[in-house]
Amino acid sequence: MRITKMTIKKILKEVGAERVSEPAANELARILNKHAYTIAKKAVKLAAHAKRKTVERADIELAK
């Protein structure tokens, strides 16, 4: 699953952008997706280290 360009454009408009270029949406999507996957991987490792199969909110908070 990925954060889509449409979602990125909606976020940027919610924070005040009148218009959003495709390259800007693509770049922010790339950065956010990379960051999200990095956090997710760390959170999964933390849950495994705690001998849990369930990733919990605390794992996400520690991973960020």
N, C-alpha and C. Protein backbone atom coordinates (compact mmCIF):
# COMPACT_ATOMS: atom_id res chain seq x y z
N MET A 1 0.85 -1.17 0.00
CA MET A 1 0.00 0.00 0.00
C MET A 1 0.89 1.24 0.00
N ARG A 2 0.47 2.21 -0.72
CA ARG A 2 1.22 3.45 -0.84
C ARG A 2 0.32 4.64 -0.58
N ILE A 3 0.94 5.74 -0.13
CA ILE A 3 0.22 7.00 -0.02
C ILE A 3 0.15 7.56 -1.45
N THR A 4 -1.04 7.82 -1.92
CA THR A 4 -1.21 8.22 -3.32
C THR A 4 -0.97 9.71 -3.53
N LYS A 5 -0.74 10.06 -4.80
CA LYS A 5 -0.58 11.48 -5.15
C LYS A 5 -1.83 12.26 -4.83
N MET A 6 -2.99 11.65 -5.03
CA MET A 6 -4.24 12.35 -4.75
C MET A 6 -4.33 12.68 -3.26
N THR A 7 -3.94 11.75 -2.40
CA THR A 7 -3.95 11.99 -0.96
C THR A 7 -2.97 13.12 -0.61
N ILE A 8 -1.82 13.11 -1.23
CA ILE A 8 -0.82 14.15 -1.00
C ILE A 8 -1.37 15.51 -1.40
N LYS A 9 -2.01 15.56 -2.56
CA LYS A 9 -2.60 16.83 -3.02
C LYS A 9 -3.67 17.32 -2.04
N LYS A 10 -4.49 16.42 -1.54
CA LYS A 10 -5.52 16.80 -0.58
C LYS A 10 -4.90 17.35 0.70
N ILE A 11 -3.84 16.71 1.18
CA ILE A 11 -3.16 17.18 2.38
C ILE A 11 -2.61 18.59 2.15
N LEU A 12 -1.92 18.78 1.04
CA LEU A 12 -1.34 20.08 0.75
C LEU A 12 -2.41 21.17 0.64
N LYS A 13 -3.54 20.82 0.05
CA LYS A 13 -4.63 21.80 -0.06
C LYS A 13 -5.25 22.09 1.30
N GLU A 14 -5.33 21.07 2.17
CA GLU A 14 -5.87 21.28 3.51
C GLU A 14 -5.01 22.24 4.32
N VAL A 15 -3.72 22.25 4.05
CA VAL A 15 -2.83 23.15 4.79
C VAL A 15 -2.60 24.48 4.08
N GLY A 16 -3.36 24.71 2.99
CA GLY A 16 -3.34 26.04 2.40
C GLY A 16 -2.87 26.19 0.97
N ALA A 17 -2.40 25.13 0.33
CA ALA A 17 -1.95 25.26 -1.06
C ALA A 17 -3.15 25.48 -1.97
N GLU A 18 -3.02 26.43 -2.88
CA GLU A 18 -4.10 26.65 -3.85
C GLU A 18 -3.99 25.64 -4.99
N ARG A 19 -2.75 25.43 -5.43
CA ARG A 19 -2.50 24.46 -6.50
C ARG A 19 -1.27 23.66 -6.14
N VAL A 20 -1.20 22.43 -6.68
CA VAL A 20 -0.07 21.54 -6.39
C VAL A 20 0.40 20.94 -7.70
N SER A 21 1.68 21.10 -8.01
CA SER A 21 2.22 20.54 -9.25
C SER A 21 2.41 19.03 -9.10
N GLU A 22 2.38 18.34 -10.22
CA GLU A 22 2.60 16.90 -10.22
C GLU A 22 3.97 16.53 -9.64
N PRO A 23 5.04 17.25 -10.05
CA PRO A 23 6.35 16.92 -9.47
C PRO A 23 6.40 17.10 -7.95
N ALA A 24 5.72 18.12 -7.45
CA ALA A 24 5.70 18.35 -6.00
C ALA A 24 4.95 17.21 -5.30
N ALA A 25 3.81 16.83 -5.83
CA ALA A 25 3.03 15.73 -5.25
C ALA A 25 3.81 14.43 -5.32
N ASN A 26 4.47 14.18 -6.44
CA ASN A 26 5.27 12.96 -6.59
C ASN A 26 6.40 12.90 -5.58
N GLU A 27 7.10 14.02 -5.41
CA GLU A 27 8.24 14.04 -4.49
C GLU A 27 7.81 13.86 -3.04
N LEU A 28 6.76 14.55 -2.64
CA LEU A 28 6.29 14.40 -1.26
C LEU A 28 5.77 12.99 -1.03
N ALA A 29 5.09 12.41 -2.00
CA ALA A 29 4.61 11.03 -1.88
C ALA A 29 5.79 10.07 -1.74
N ARG A 30 6.83 10.29 -2.53
CA ARG A 30 8.03 9.43 -2.46
C ARG A 30 8.66 9.50 -1.07
N ILE A 31 8.82 10.70 -0.56
CA ILE A 31 9.44 10.90 0.75
C ILE A 31 8.59 10.29 1.86
N LEU A 32 7.29 10.55 1.84
CA LEU A 32 6.41 10.03 2.90
C LEU A 32 6.31 8.52 2.86
N ASN A 33 6.24 7.95 1.66
CA ASN A 33 6.18 6.50 1.55
C ASN A 33 7.46 5.85 2.07
N LYS A 34 8.60 6.42 1.72
CA LYS A 34 9.87 5.90 2.21
C LYS A 34 9.92 5.96 3.74
N HIS A 35 9.51 7.08 4.29
CA HIS A 35 9.53 7.27 5.74
C HIS A 35 8.56 6.30 6.43
N ALA A 36 7.38 6.12 5.84
CA ALA A 36 6.38 5.22 6.41
C ALA A 36 6.90 3.78 6.43
N TYR A 37 7.55 3.34 5.36
CA TYR A 37 8.07 1.99 5.32
C TYR A 37 9.21 1.79 6.32
N THR A 38 10.04 2.81 6.48
CA THR A 38 11.13 2.74 7.46
C THR A 38 10.57 2.58 8.87
N ILE A 39 9.58 3.38 9.21
CA ILE A 39 8.95 3.30 10.53
C ILE A 39 8.28 1.94 10.71
N ALA A 40 7.58 1.48 9.69
CA ALA A 40 6.88 0.20 9.77
C ALA A 40 7.86 -0.95 10.02
N LYS A 41 8.97 -0.96 9.30
CA LYS A 41 9.97 -2.02 9.50
C LYS A 41 10.51 -2.02 10.92
N LYS A 42 10.82 -0.83 11.44
CA LYS A 42 11.33 -0.73 12.81
C LYS A 42 10.28 -1.20 13.81
N ALA A 43 9.02 -0.83 13.58
CA ALA A 43 7.94 -1.22 14.49
C ALA A 43 7.75 -2.73 14.51
N VAL A 44 7.86 -3.36 13.36
CA VAL A 44 7.73 -4.82 13.28
C VAL A 44 8.87 -5.48 14.05
N LYS A 45 10.07 -4.95 13.92
CA LYS A 45 11.21 -5.49 14.66
C LYS A 45 11.02 -5.34 16.17
N LEU A 46 10.49 -4.19 16.59
CA LEU A 46 10.24 -3.97 18.01
C LEU A 46 9.20 -4.95 18.55
N ALA A 47 8.15 -5.18 17.80
CA ALA A 47 7.12 -6.14 18.22
C ALA A 47 7.71 -7.54 18.30
N ALA A 48 8.51 -7.92 17.33
CA ALA A 48 9.14 -9.25 17.33
C ALA A 48 10.09 -9.40 18.51
N HIS A 49 10.83 -8.35 18.79
CA HIS A 49 11.75 -8.38 19.93
C HIS A 49 10.99 -8.59 21.24
N ALA A 50 9.79 -8.05 21.32
CA ALA A 50 8.95 -8.22 22.51
C ALA A 50 8.16 -9.53 22.47
N LYS A 51 8.48 -10.35 21.47
CA LYS A 51 7.83 -11.65 21.29
C LYS A 51 6.32 -11.51 21.07
N ARG A 52 5.96 -10.50 20.26
CA ARG A 52 4.57 -10.28 19.90
C ARG A 52 4.43 -10.34 18.39
N LYS A 53 3.28 -10.81 17.95
CA LYS A 53 2.96 -10.79 16.53
C LYS A 53 2.22 -9.52 16.15
N THR A 54 1.65 -8.85 17.15
CA THR A 54 0.86 -7.65 16.92
C THR A 54 1.72 -6.40 17.10
N VAL A 55 1.73 -5.57 16.09
CA VAL A 55 2.41 -4.27 16.19
C VAL A 55 1.45 -3.33 16.92
N GLU A 56 1.95 -2.73 17.97
CA GLU A 56 1.11 -1.85 18.79
C GLU A 56 1.51 -0.39 18.59
N ARG A 57 0.65 0.47 19.09
CA ARG A 57 0.89 1.90 18.97
C ARG A 57 2.26 2.28 19.55
N ALA A 58 2.61 1.71 20.67
CA ALA A 58 3.89 2.02 21.31
C ALA A 58 5.06 1.67 20.39
N ASP A 59 4.93 0.60 19.62
CA ASP A 59 5.99 0.22 18.67
C ASP A 59 6.16 1.30 17.62
N ILE A 60 5.06 1.82 17.12
CA ILE A 60 5.11 2.88 16.11
C ILE A 60 5.75 4.13 16.71
N GLU A 61 5.34 4.48 17.93
CA GLU A 61 5.90 5.67 18.59
C GLU A 61 7.39 5.54 18.81
N LEU A 62 7.83 4.36 19.22
CA LEU A 62 9.26 4.14 19.43
C LEU A 62 10.05 4.13 18.12
N ALA A 63 9.41 3.66 17.07
CA ALA A 63 10.08 3.53 15.77
C ALA A 63 10.28 4.87 15.07
N LYS A 64 9.45 5.86 15.39
CA LYS A 64 9.54 7.12 14.65
C LYS A 64 10.69 7.96 15.03
